Amino acid sequence: MEKFIHKFYDDAGITSLDELCDLDDQSVSQLMADCGFGVGHKQKFPKLLADYKNQKVDEERRCAEEAA
């Protein structure tokens, strides 16, 4: 997903993957349309974003456990 961040920035002002995580499903769908992504990307992207969110939560949990 990181390779597409420039497209999100240029077309929608999204500057980080964390900003993408804050979007709801409808906003993600609109973002994909605004950025001109095709059907294949539109179908795969929500899963990629969900996977990224899960990785981020897991990493934050791991860091909290290490700090404790």
Protein backbone atom coordinates (compact mmCIF):
# COMPACT_ATOMS: atom_id res chain seq x y z
CA MET A 1 0.00 0.00 0.00
CA GLU A 2 2.90 2.33 0.66
CA LYS A 3 3.63 2.50 -3.07
CA PHE A 4 0.24 4.14 -3.65
CA ILE A 5 0.52 6.82 -0.97
CA HIS A 6 1.80 9.36 -3.52
CA LYS A 7 -1.38 8.80 -5.56
CA PHE A 8 -3.54 9.32 -2.48
CA TYR A 9 -1.61 12.49 -1.64
CA ASP A 10 -1.76 13.92 -5.16
CA ASP A 11 -5.45 13.19 -5.69
CA ALA A 12 -6.94 13.45 -2.19
CA GLY A 13 -4.40 15.02 0.17
CA ILE A 14 -3.87 11.81 2.19
CA THR A 15 -0.33 11.97 3.58
CA SER A 16 0.01 8.73 5.53
CA LEU A 17 -1.33 5.23 5.88
CA ASP A 18 -2.55 6.21 9.32
CA GLU A 19 -4.86 8.78 7.72
CA LEU A 20 -6.27 5.98 5.55
CA CYS A 21 -6.99 3.95 8.68
CA ASP A 22 -9.15 6.78 9.99
CA LEU A 23 -11.48 6.64 6.96
CA ASP A 24 -14.75 4.73 7.09
CA ASP A 25 -15.74 2.27 4.34
CA GLN A 26 -17.70 4.83 2.36
CA SER A 27 -14.81 7.30 2.47
CA VAL A 28 -12.37 4.62 1.33
CA SER A 29 -14.65 3.79 -1.58
CA GLN A 30 -14.88 7.46 -2.52
CA LEU A 31 -11.10 7.84 -2.22
CA MET A 32 -10.57 4.93 -4.60
CA ALA A 33 -12.94 6.52 -7.12
CA ASP A 34 -11.31 9.94 -6.76
CA CYS A 35 -7.88 8.44 -7.35
CA GLY A 36 -9.07 6.59 -10.44
CA PHE A 37 -8.31 3.09 -9.24
CA GLY A 38 -9.81 0.26 -11.27
CA VAL A 39 -12.23 -2.41 -10.14
CA GLY A 40 -9.46 -4.83 -9.13
CA HIS A 41 -7.85 -2.32 -6.79
CA LYS A 42 -11.23 -1.31 -5.39
CA GLN A 43 -11.95 -4.93 -4.50
CA LYS A 44 -8.54 -5.66 -2.97
CA PHE A 45 -7.91 -2.40 -1.18
CA PRO A 46 -10.34 -2.80 1.75
CA LYS A 47 -8.66 -6.11 2.67
CA LEU A 48 -5.19 -4.59 2.39
CA LEU A 49 -6.28 -1.70 4.61
CA ALA A 50 -7.82 -4.08 7.16
CA ASP A 51 -4.61 -6.15 7.19
CA TYR A 52 -2.56 -2.98 7.76
CA LYS A 53 -4.84 -1.91 10.61
CA ASN A 54 -4.49 -5.33 12.25
CA GLN A 55 -0.70 -5.23 11.93
CA LYS A 56 -0.66 -1.77 13.46
CA VAL A 57 -2.81 -2.88 16.42
CA ASP A 58 -0.60 -5.94 16.94
CA GLU A 59 2.53 -3.78 16.87
CA GLU A 60 1.07 -1.26 19.31
CA ARG A 61 0.06 -4.10 21.66
CA ARG A 62 3.54 -5.63 21.44
CA CYS A 63 5.19 -2.28 22.21
CA ALA A 64 2.88 -1.75 25.20
CA GLU A 65 3.70 -5.21 26.54
CA GLU A 66 7.43 -4.59 26.15
CA ALA A 67 7.14 -1.28 27.98
CA ALA A 68 5.28 -2.86 30.90
